N, C-alpha and C. Protein backbone atom coordinates (compact mmCIF):
# COMPACT_ATOMS: atom_id res chain seq x y z
N MET A 1 128.04 70.78 81.88
CA MET A 1 126.69 70.54 82.32
C MET A 1 125.74 71.52 81.62
N VAL A 2 124.71 71.04 81.01
CA VAL A 2 123.74 71.87 80.31
C VAL A 2 122.73 72.39 81.32
N GLU A 3 122.53 73.69 81.27
CA GLU A 3 121.57 74.32 82.19
C GLU A 3 120.16 74.07 81.69
N ARG A 4 119.29 73.64 82.60
CA ARG A 4 117.91 73.35 82.22
C ARG A 4 117.11 74.64 82.10
N SER A 5 116.14 74.62 81.21
CA SER A 5 115.27 75.78 81.03
C SER A 5 114.34 75.88 82.24
N ASP A 6 113.71 77.06 82.36
CA ASP A 6 112.76 77.28 83.45
C ASP A 6 111.62 76.26 83.38
N GLU A 7 111.16 76.01 82.18
CA GLU A 7 110.05 75.08 82.00
C GLU A 7 110.45 73.66 82.40
N GLU A 8 111.67 73.26 82.06
CA GLU A 8 112.17 71.93 82.48
C GLU A 8 112.30 71.86 83.99
N LEU A 9 112.75 72.95 84.59
CA LEU A 9 112.86 72.98 86.05
C LEU A 9 111.48 72.88 86.71
N MET A 10 110.48 73.52 86.12
CA MET A 10 109.12 73.42 86.67
C MET A 10 108.59 71.99 86.55
N GLN A 11 108.88 71.33 85.45
CA GLN A 11 108.47 69.92 85.31
C GLN A 11 109.13 69.07 86.38
N ALA A 12 110.42 69.31 86.61
CA ALA A 12 111.15 68.57 87.63
C ALA A 12 110.58 68.87 89.02
N LEU A 13 110.25 70.13 89.27
CA LEU A 13 109.67 70.52 90.55
C LEU A 13 108.32 69.83 90.74
N GLY A 14 107.53 69.79 89.69
CA GLY A 14 106.25 69.10 89.74
C GLY A 14 106.39 67.63 90.07
N ALA A 15 107.54 67.06 89.67
CA ALA A 15 107.81 65.64 89.94
C ALA A 15 108.45 65.43 91.31
N GLY A 16 108.60 66.54 92.07
CA GLY A 16 109.12 66.40 93.43
C GLY A 16 110.59 66.72 93.60
N GLU A 17 111.26 67.19 92.59
CA GLU A 17 112.69 67.52 92.67
C GLU A 17 112.84 68.94 93.24
N LEU A 18 113.08 69.03 94.54
CA LEU A 18 113.15 70.33 95.20
C LEU A 18 114.39 71.13 94.80
N ALA A 19 115.41 70.48 94.31
CA ALA A 19 116.59 71.20 93.83
C ALA A 19 116.22 72.09 92.64
N ALA A 20 115.19 71.72 91.90
CA ALA A 20 114.73 72.53 90.78
C ALA A 20 114.17 73.86 91.30
N PHE A 21 113.49 73.83 92.44
CA PHE A 21 112.97 75.06 93.04
C PHE A 21 114.13 75.98 93.42
N ASP A 22 115.17 75.40 94.00
CA ASP A 22 116.34 76.19 94.37
C ASP A 22 116.94 76.88 93.15
N ALA A 23 117.03 76.18 92.04
CA ALA A 23 117.59 76.76 90.81
C ALA A 23 116.71 77.90 90.30
N LEU A 24 115.39 77.69 90.33
CA LEU A 24 114.47 78.74 89.89
C LEU A 24 114.55 79.96 90.81
N PHE A 25 114.64 79.70 92.09
CA PHE A 25 114.74 80.78 93.07
C PHE A 25 115.99 81.62 92.82
N ARG A 26 117.13 80.95 92.69
CA ARG A 26 118.38 81.68 92.45
C ARG A 26 118.34 82.43 91.13
N ARG A 27 117.72 81.87 90.14
CA ARG A 27 117.67 82.47 88.80
C ARG A 27 116.75 83.69 88.75
N HIS A 28 115.65 83.68 89.49
CA HIS A 28 114.63 84.70 89.30
C HIS A 28 114.33 85.57 90.52
N TYR A 29 114.91 85.27 91.66
CA TYR A 29 114.54 86.00 92.87
C TYR A 29 114.75 87.51 92.74
N GLU A 30 115.90 87.93 92.30
CA GLU A 30 116.20 89.37 92.26
C GLU A 30 115.25 90.12 91.32
N THR A 31 114.94 89.53 90.18
CA THR A 31 114.03 90.17 89.25
C THR A 31 112.63 90.27 89.85
N VAL A 32 112.17 89.21 90.48
CA VAL A 32 110.85 89.22 91.11
C VAL A 32 110.82 90.20 92.27
N ARG A 33 111.88 90.26 93.06
CA ARG A 33 111.95 91.19 94.18
C ARG A 33 111.87 92.64 93.68
N THR A 34 112.60 92.93 92.62
CA THR A 34 112.58 94.28 92.05
C THR A 34 111.20 94.62 91.51
N LEU A 35 110.58 93.69 90.81
CA LEU A 35 109.23 93.89 90.29
C LEU A 35 108.26 94.20 91.43
N CYS A 36 108.31 93.39 92.47
CA CYS A 36 107.40 93.58 93.61
C CYS A 36 107.65 94.92 94.30
N ALA A 37 108.90 95.27 94.49
CA ALA A 37 109.22 96.55 95.16
C ALA A 37 108.70 97.72 94.35
N ARG A 38 108.82 97.64 93.05
CA ARG A 38 108.37 98.76 92.21
C ARG A 38 106.86 98.83 92.12
N VAL A 39 106.19 97.70 91.99
CA VAL A 39 104.73 97.71 91.90
C VAL A 39 104.13 98.17 93.23
N ALA A 40 104.70 97.70 94.32
CA ALA A 40 104.20 98.08 95.64
C ALA A 40 104.71 99.45 96.08
N ALA A 41 105.65 100.03 95.31
CA ALA A 41 106.25 101.33 95.63
C ALA A 41 106.91 101.30 97.00
N SER A 42 107.54 100.17 97.32
CA SER A 42 108.20 100.03 98.62
C SER A 42 109.32 99.02 98.52
N ASP A 43 110.57 99.50 98.66
CA ASP A 43 111.70 98.57 98.65
C ASP A 43 111.61 97.58 99.81
N ALA A 44 111.13 98.07 100.94
CA ALA A 44 111.03 97.21 102.12
C ALA A 44 110.07 96.06 101.89
N ALA A 45 108.99 96.30 101.18
CA ALA A 45 108.01 95.25 100.92
C ALA A 45 108.47 94.29 99.83
N GLY A 46 109.42 94.68 99.02
CA GLY A 46 109.87 93.85 97.90
C GLY A 46 110.30 92.46 98.31
N ASP A 47 111.10 92.35 99.36
CA ASP A 47 111.57 91.04 99.81
C ASP A 47 110.42 90.17 100.29
N ASP A 48 109.54 90.73 101.10
CA ASP A 48 108.42 89.95 101.62
C ASP A 48 107.50 89.48 100.49
N LEU A 49 107.21 90.37 99.56
CA LEU A 49 106.32 90.01 98.46
C LEU A 49 106.97 88.99 97.53
N ALA A 50 108.27 89.12 97.31
CA ALA A 50 108.97 88.14 96.47
C ALA A 50 108.98 86.77 97.14
N GLN A 51 109.20 86.74 98.44
CA GLN A 51 109.18 85.47 99.15
C GLN A 51 107.79 84.83 99.08
N GLU A 52 106.76 85.63 99.24
CA GLU A 52 105.40 85.11 99.12
C GLU A 52 105.16 84.58 97.71
N THR A 53 105.69 85.27 96.72
CA THR A 53 105.56 84.81 95.33
C THR A 53 106.17 83.43 95.17
N PHE A 54 107.35 83.23 95.68
CA PHE A 54 108.01 81.94 95.54
C PHE A 54 107.34 80.85 96.36
N LEU A 55 106.77 81.21 97.49
CA LEU A 55 105.99 80.22 98.25
C LEU A 55 104.79 79.75 97.42
N ARG A 56 104.16 80.69 96.72
CA ARG A 56 103.03 80.31 95.87
C ARG A 56 103.47 79.48 94.68
N VAL A 57 104.64 79.76 94.15
CA VAL A 57 105.17 78.92 93.06
C VAL A 57 105.29 77.49 93.55
N LEU A 58 105.86 77.34 94.73
CA LEU A 58 106.02 76.00 95.31
C LEU A 58 104.66 75.35 95.59
N ARG A 59 103.76 76.12 96.18
CA ARG A 59 102.44 75.61 96.53
C ARG A 59 101.61 75.23 95.30
N HIS A 60 101.75 76.00 94.23
CA HIS A 60 100.91 75.81 93.05
C HIS A 60 101.69 75.27 91.85
N ARG A 61 102.78 74.59 92.12
CA ARG A 61 103.63 74.08 91.04
C ARG A 61 102.87 73.17 90.09
N ALA A 62 101.86 72.48 90.58
CA ALA A 62 101.10 71.56 89.72
C ALA A 62 100.22 72.30 88.72
N THR A 63 99.98 73.60 88.96
CA THR A 63 99.12 74.35 88.04
C THR A 63 99.88 74.90 86.84
N PHE A 64 101.20 74.83 86.88
CA PHE A 64 101.98 75.32 85.73
C PHE A 64 101.85 74.32 84.59
N ARG A 65 101.23 74.77 83.50
CA ARG A 65 100.98 73.89 82.36
C ARG A 65 102.01 74.04 81.27
N GLY A 66 102.76 75.12 81.29
CA GLY A 66 103.75 75.34 80.25
C GLY A 66 103.18 75.99 79.00
N ASP A 67 101.92 76.47 79.06
CA ASP A 67 101.32 77.16 77.91
C ASP A 67 102.03 78.49 77.66
N ALA A 68 102.43 79.14 78.72
CA ALA A 68 103.15 80.41 78.63
C ALA A 68 104.55 80.19 79.21
N ARG A 69 105.40 81.17 78.99
CA ARG A 69 106.75 81.07 79.56
C ARG A 69 106.66 81.11 81.08
N PHE A 70 107.64 80.51 81.73
CA PHE A 70 107.68 80.52 83.19
C PHE A 70 107.70 81.94 83.72
N THR A 71 108.46 82.84 83.08
CA THR A 71 108.54 84.22 83.58
C THR A 71 107.18 84.90 83.54
N THR A 72 106.39 84.64 82.52
CA THR A 72 105.05 85.21 82.45
C THR A 72 104.21 84.69 83.61
N TRP A 73 104.31 83.40 83.88
CA TRP A 73 103.55 82.77 84.96
C TRP A 73 103.94 83.34 86.32
N ILE A 74 105.24 83.46 86.58
CA ILE A 74 105.68 83.94 87.90
C ILE A 74 105.40 85.43 88.04
N TYR A 75 105.50 86.21 86.96
CA TYR A 75 105.16 87.63 87.03
C TYR A 75 103.69 87.81 87.36
N ARG A 76 102.87 86.94 86.82
CA ARG A 76 101.44 87.02 87.13
C ARG A 76 101.19 86.71 88.60
N ILE A 77 101.88 85.72 89.13
CA ILE A 77 101.77 85.41 90.56
C ILE A 77 102.24 86.60 91.39
N ALA A 78 103.39 87.18 91.00
CA ALA A 78 103.92 88.34 91.73
C ALA A 78 102.94 89.50 91.68
N ARG A 79 102.33 89.70 90.54
CA ARG A 79 101.34 90.76 90.39
C ARG A 79 100.19 90.55 91.37
N ASN A 80 99.68 89.35 91.44
CA ASN A 80 98.57 89.06 92.35
C ASN A 80 98.97 89.27 93.80
N VAL A 81 100.18 88.84 94.15
CA VAL A 81 100.68 89.04 95.52
C VAL A 81 100.75 90.54 95.83
N CYS A 82 101.26 91.32 94.89
CA CYS A 82 101.38 92.76 95.10
C CYS A 82 100.02 93.43 95.21
N LEU A 83 99.11 93.07 94.34
CA LEU A 83 97.78 93.68 94.38
C LEU A 83 97.06 93.35 95.68
N GLU A 84 97.23 92.14 96.18
CA GLU A 84 96.63 91.78 97.46
C GLU A 84 97.21 92.62 98.59
N GLN A 85 98.52 92.83 98.55
CA GLN A 85 99.17 93.66 99.56
C GLN A 85 98.67 95.10 99.48
N ILE A 86 98.56 95.62 98.29
CA ILE A 86 98.09 96.99 98.11
C ILE A 86 96.66 97.13 98.60
N ALA A 87 95.84 96.15 98.33
CA ALA A 87 94.45 96.19 98.80
C ALA A 87 94.40 96.20 100.33
N ARG A 88 95.25 95.40 100.96
CA ARG A 88 95.30 95.40 102.44
C ARG A 88 95.71 96.79 102.95
N GLN A 89 96.69 97.37 102.30
CA GLN A 89 97.15 98.69 102.72
C GLN A 89 96.07 99.74 102.52
N ALA A 90 95.37 99.65 101.42
CA ALA A 90 94.32 100.62 101.14
C ALA A 90 93.21 100.52 102.18
N ARG A 91 92.85 99.29 102.55
CA ARG A 91 91.81 99.11 103.58
C ARG A 91 92.22 99.77 104.88
N ASP A 92 93.46 99.69 105.19
CA ASP A 92 93.96 100.29 106.44
C ASP A 92 94.25 101.79 106.30
N ARG A 93 94.18 102.28 105.08
CA ARG A 93 94.42 103.68 104.76
C ARG A 93 95.85 104.12 105.05
N ARG A 94 96.75 103.19 105.28
CA ARG A 94 98.13 103.57 105.55
C ARG A 94 98.81 104.15 104.32
N ILE A 95 98.52 103.60 103.16
CA ILE A 95 99.21 104.07 101.97
C ILE A 95 98.82 105.51 101.64
N ALA A 96 97.54 105.85 101.78
CA ALA A 96 97.10 107.22 101.51
C ALA A 96 97.73 108.20 102.50
N GLU A 97 97.81 107.82 103.76
CA GLU A 97 98.41 108.68 104.76
C GLU A 97 99.89 108.90 104.48
N ARG A 98 100.57 107.84 104.08
CA ARG A 98 102.01 107.96 103.78
C ARG A 98 102.23 108.89 102.59
N TRP A 99 101.42 108.73 101.55
CA TRP A 99 101.58 109.58 100.36
C TRP A 99 101.29 111.04 100.71
N SER A 100 100.27 111.28 101.49
CA SER A 100 99.93 112.65 101.88
C SER A 100 101.05 113.26 102.72
N ALA A 101 101.58 112.49 103.63
CA ALA A 101 102.67 112.98 104.48
C ALA A 101 103.90 113.29 103.64
N GLU A 102 104.21 112.43 102.69
CA GLU A 102 105.37 112.67 101.82
C GLU A 102 105.18 113.93 101.00
N ALA A 103 103.98 114.13 100.47
CA ALA A 103 103.72 115.30 99.64
C ALA A 103 103.80 116.58 100.47
N ALA A 104 103.30 116.53 101.69
CA ALA A 104 103.29 117.71 102.55
C ALA A 104 104.69 118.09 103.01
N THR A 105 105.54 117.10 103.23
CA THR A 105 106.87 117.39 103.77
C THR A 105 107.96 117.47 102.70
N ALA A 106 107.64 117.09 101.48
CA ALA A 106 108.65 117.13 100.43
C ALA A 106 109.03 118.57 100.12
N SER A 107 110.30 118.79 99.93
CA SER A 107 110.76 120.13 99.57
C SER A 107 111.83 120.01 98.50
N ALA A 108 112.16 121.13 97.90
CA ALA A 108 113.17 121.14 96.85
C ALA A 108 114.52 120.66 97.40
N GLU A 109 114.78 120.97 98.67
CA GLU A 109 116.06 120.55 99.26
C GLU A 109 116.15 119.03 99.40
N ASP A 110 114.98 118.38 99.59
CA ASP A 110 114.96 116.94 99.75
C ASP A 110 115.18 116.21 98.44
N ARG A 111 114.93 116.89 97.32
CA ARG A 111 115.03 116.24 96.00
C ARG A 111 116.32 116.66 95.34
N SER A 112 117.24 115.76 95.20
CA SER A 112 118.54 116.11 94.64
C SER A 112 118.54 116.12 93.12
N ASP A 113 117.62 115.41 92.48
CA ASP A 113 117.61 115.40 91.01
C ASP A 113 116.26 114.93 90.49
N ASP A 114 116.16 114.89 89.18
CA ASP A 114 114.91 114.49 88.53
C ASP A 114 114.50 113.07 88.88
N THR A 115 115.44 112.20 89.18
CA THR A 115 115.12 110.82 89.51
C THR A 115 114.25 110.75 90.75
N GLU A 116 114.53 111.59 91.72
CA GLU A 116 113.72 111.60 92.94
C GLU A 116 112.33 112.16 92.67
N VAL A 117 112.22 113.15 91.79
CA VAL A 117 110.91 113.69 91.42
C VAL A 117 110.12 112.60 90.70
N LEU A 118 110.79 111.86 89.83
CA LEU A 118 110.13 110.77 89.11
C LEU A 118 109.66 109.68 90.08
N ALA A 119 110.50 109.34 91.05
CA ALA A 119 110.10 108.33 92.05
C ALA A 119 108.89 108.81 92.85
N ALA A 120 108.87 110.09 93.20
CA ALA A 120 107.71 110.63 93.92
C ALA A 120 106.47 110.59 93.04
N ALA A 121 106.64 110.91 91.76
CA ALA A 121 105.50 110.87 90.83
C ALA A 121 104.96 109.45 90.70
N MET A 122 105.84 108.47 90.65
CA MET A 122 105.40 107.07 90.56
C MET A 122 104.55 106.69 91.76
N ARG A 123 104.89 107.19 92.93
CA ARG A 123 104.11 106.85 94.13
C ARG A 123 102.71 107.43 94.09
N TRP A 124 102.49 108.48 93.31
CA TRP A 124 101.17 109.09 93.21
C TRP A 124 100.27 108.36 92.22
N LEU A 125 100.82 107.49 91.38
CA LEU A 125 100.01 106.74 90.43
C LEU A 125 99.23 105.65 91.15
N THR A 126 98.19 105.15 90.51
CA THR A 126 97.47 104.02 91.08
C THR A 126 98.35 102.78 90.95
N ALA A 127 98.02 101.76 91.70
CA ALA A 127 98.79 100.51 91.64
C ALA A 127 98.78 99.94 90.23
N GLU A 128 97.65 100.02 89.54
CA GLU A 128 97.54 99.48 88.19
C GLU A 128 98.42 100.26 87.22
N GLN A 129 98.48 101.58 87.38
CA GLN A 129 99.33 102.40 86.51
C GLN A 129 100.81 102.09 86.76
N ARG A 130 101.19 102.01 88.03
CA ARG A 130 102.59 101.68 88.35
C ARG A 130 102.95 100.32 87.79
N GLU A 131 102.05 99.37 87.96
CA GLU A 131 102.29 98.00 87.54
C GLU A 131 102.60 97.92 86.05
N VAL A 132 101.77 98.53 85.21
CA VAL A 132 101.98 98.42 83.77
C VAL A 132 103.26 99.14 83.36
N LEU A 133 103.57 100.27 84.00
CA LEU A 133 104.83 100.97 83.68
C LEU A 133 106.05 100.16 84.10
N VAL A 134 105.96 99.53 85.26
CA VAL A 134 107.08 98.70 85.73
C VAL A 134 107.32 97.55 84.75
N LEU A 135 106.26 96.89 84.34
CA LEU A 135 106.40 95.76 83.43
C LEU A 135 106.94 96.19 82.07
N CYS A 136 106.41 97.30 81.53
CA CYS A 136 106.81 97.76 80.19
C CYS A 136 108.16 98.47 80.18
N ARG A 137 108.35 99.38 81.12
CA ARG A 137 109.54 100.24 81.08
C ARG A 137 110.72 99.68 81.85
N TYR A 138 110.49 99.18 83.05
CA TYR A 138 111.61 98.70 83.87
C TYR A 138 112.01 97.28 83.49
N HIS A 139 111.05 96.45 83.16
CA HIS A 139 111.36 95.06 82.81
C HIS A 139 111.38 94.83 81.31
N ASP A 140 111.06 95.86 80.55
CA ASP A 140 111.16 95.85 79.10
C ASP A 140 110.43 94.67 78.46
N LEU A 141 109.25 94.36 78.97
CA LEU A 141 108.45 93.27 78.42
C LEU A 141 107.65 93.78 77.23
N ALA A 142 107.43 92.90 76.27
CA ALA A 142 106.59 93.23 75.12
C ALA A 142 105.14 93.35 75.58
N PHE A 143 104.34 94.11 74.83
CA PHE A 143 102.94 94.30 75.21
C PHE A 143 102.18 92.98 75.26
N GLY A 144 102.54 92.03 74.41
CA GLY A 144 101.91 90.72 74.45
C GLY A 144 102.13 90.02 75.78
N GLU A 145 103.38 90.07 76.28
CA GLU A 145 103.70 89.47 77.57
C GLU A 145 103.00 90.21 78.71
N VAL A 146 103.00 91.54 78.63
CA VAL A 146 102.34 92.34 79.65
C VAL A 146 100.84 92.00 79.67
N GLY A 147 100.26 91.86 78.49
CA GLY A 147 98.85 91.48 78.41
C GLY A 147 98.57 90.14 79.06
N GLU A 148 99.46 89.17 78.83
CA GLU A 148 99.29 87.85 79.46
C GLU A 148 99.33 87.96 80.97
N ILE A 149 100.27 88.76 81.48
CA ILE A 149 100.41 88.92 82.93
C ILE A 149 99.20 89.63 83.52
N LEU A 150 98.71 90.65 82.82
CA LEU A 150 97.58 91.43 83.32
C LEU A 150 96.22 90.81 82.99
N GLY A 151 96.23 89.79 82.15
CA GLY A 151 94.97 89.15 81.77
C GLY A 151 94.18 89.95 80.75
N CYS A 152 94.89 90.58 79.81
CA CYS A 152 94.21 91.36 78.77
C CYS A 152 94.97 91.17 77.46
N SER A 153 94.49 91.78 76.40
CA SER A 153 95.14 91.66 75.10
C SER A 153 96.37 92.55 75.04
N ALA A 154 97.21 92.33 74.04
CA ALA A 154 98.39 93.17 73.84
C ALA A 154 97.97 94.61 73.58
N GLY A 155 96.90 94.80 72.81
CA GLY A 155 96.41 96.15 72.53
C GLY A 155 95.94 96.86 73.79
N ALA A 156 95.24 96.14 74.64
CA ALA A 156 94.77 96.73 75.90
C ALA A 156 95.96 97.09 76.79
N ALA A 157 96.98 96.23 76.78
CA ALA A 157 98.19 96.52 77.57
C ALA A 157 98.87 97.78 77.04
N ARG A 158 98.92 97.92 75.73
CA ARG A 158 99.52 99.12 75.12
C ARG A 158 98.74 100.38 75.54
N VAL A 159 97.41 100.30 75.51
CA VAL A 159 96.58 101.44 75.91
C VAL A 159 96.80 101.76 77.38
N ARG A 160 96.83 100.75 78.22
CA ARG A 160 97.05 100.97 79.66
C ARG A 160 98.40 101.62 79.90
N ALA A 161 99.43 101.15 79.18
CA ALA A 161 100.77 101.72 79.33
C ALA A 161 100.78 103.18 78.89
N HIS A 162 100.13 103.48 77.79
CA HIS A 162 100.07 104.86 77.30
C HIS A 162 99.36 105.76 78.31
N ARG A 163 98.23 105.32 78.82
CA ARG A 163 97.48 106.12 79.79
C ARG A 163 98.27 106.31 81.08
N ALA A 164 98.95 105.27 81.51
CA ALA A 164 99.77 105.37 82.72
C ALA A 164 100.92 106.35 82.51
N LEU A 165 101.53 106.31 81.34
CA LEU A 165 102.62 107.22 81.03
C LEU A 165 102.12 108.67 81.00
N MET A 166 100.94 108.89 80.44
CA MET A 166 100.35 110.24 80.42
C MET A 166 100.07 110.72 81.85
N ALA A 167 99.56 109.83 82.68
CA ALA A 167 99.28 110.19 84.08
C ALA A 167 100.59 110.51 84.81
N LEU A 168 101.63 109.71 84.56
CA LEU A 168 102.94 109.95 85.18
C LEU A 168 103.49 111.31 84.75
N ARG A 169 103.38 111.62 83.48
CA ARG A 169 103.87 112.92 83.00
C ARG A 169 103.14 114.07 83.68
N GLU A 170 101.84 113.94 83.83
CA GLU A 170 101.05 115.00 84.47
C GLU A 170 101.46 115.19 85.93
N VAL A 171 101.58 114.10 86.66
CA VAL A 171 101.99 114.18 88.06
C VAL A 171 103.40 114.75 88.15
N TYR A 172 104.29 114.28 87.28
CA TYR A 172 105.67 114.75 87.27
C TYR A 172 105.72 116.27 87.05
N ARG A 173 104.94 116.76 86.07
CA ARG A 173 104.91 118.20 85.79
C ARG A 173 104.44 118.98 87.00
N LYS A 174 103.42 118.48 87.68
CA LYS A 174 102.90 119.18 88.86
C LYS A 174 103.94 119.22 89.98
N LEU A 175 104.60 118.09 90.21
CA LEU A 175 105.63 118.05 91.25
C LEU A 175 106.80 118.94 90.88
N ASP A 176 107.20 118.90 89.63
CA ASP A 176 108.31 119.71 89.14
C ASP A 176 107.96 121.20 89.21
N ALA A 177 106.72 121.56 88.87
CA ALA A 177 106.26 122.94 88.94
C ALA A 177 106.24 123.44 90.38
N SER A 178 105.83 122.57 91.31
CA SER A 178 105.81 122.99 92.71
C SER A 178 107.22 123.23 93.22
N ASP A 179 108.20 122.46 92.72
CA ASP A 179 109.60 122.71 93.06
C ASP A 179 110.05 124.06 92.51
N ALA A 180 109.66 124.36 91.27
CA ALA A 180 110.05 125.63 90.65
C ALA A 180 109.48 126.80 91.44
N LEU A 181 108.22 126.69 91.87
CA LEU A 181 107.60 127.76 92.66
C LEU A 181 108.32 127.97 93.98
N ARG A 182 108.74 126.87 94.61
CA ARG A 182 109.46 126.99 95.88
C ARG A 182 110.82 127.66 95.70
N HIS A 183 111.46 127.40 94.55
CA HIS A 183 112.76 128.01 94.29
C HIS A 183 112.63 129.52 94.08
N LYS A 184 111.51 129.98 93.52
CA LYS A 184 111.29 131.41 93.28
C LYS A 184 110.96 132.14 94.56
N ALA A 185 110.35 131.44 95.50
CA ALA A 185 109.89 132.09 96.74
C ALA A 185 111.00 132.40 97.69
């Protein structure tokens, strides 16, 4: 049996074949869930945001034209879902309170290695900075694809990724330096 491409499955879904949705879900759910969890900086939110992403795929299946790859289209939907969630959190000020509480209670004993310092640094970035780094570094997408997802040119995506990486390095250095100071004390 020949496996159908994502684009063929979307055409079938548009024609009412719900089994095509099941195939797309099984094929892409874990990647979308990981993307959402990283952009939202919350593993717990990853499942909810991924499910919302797939509901929108089903709801808006007729809008898929096939001009771009299916993965670009679904990543863009996931991005919008995540940004909406982040905006809701920002309005409620919960995300700022959580970050402040984490920074105040974090200690060298709580961080077992550089990976945890990096994860903490990622949480201090803006949603847009995290998003571009997740797409470029974790999902290894080309700048052209990242640009399509973000609605900008490949060059603009490259600049955003560079700036986000510089911001991450600065935050990482500050967190790492604060650990070093605590170890000396």
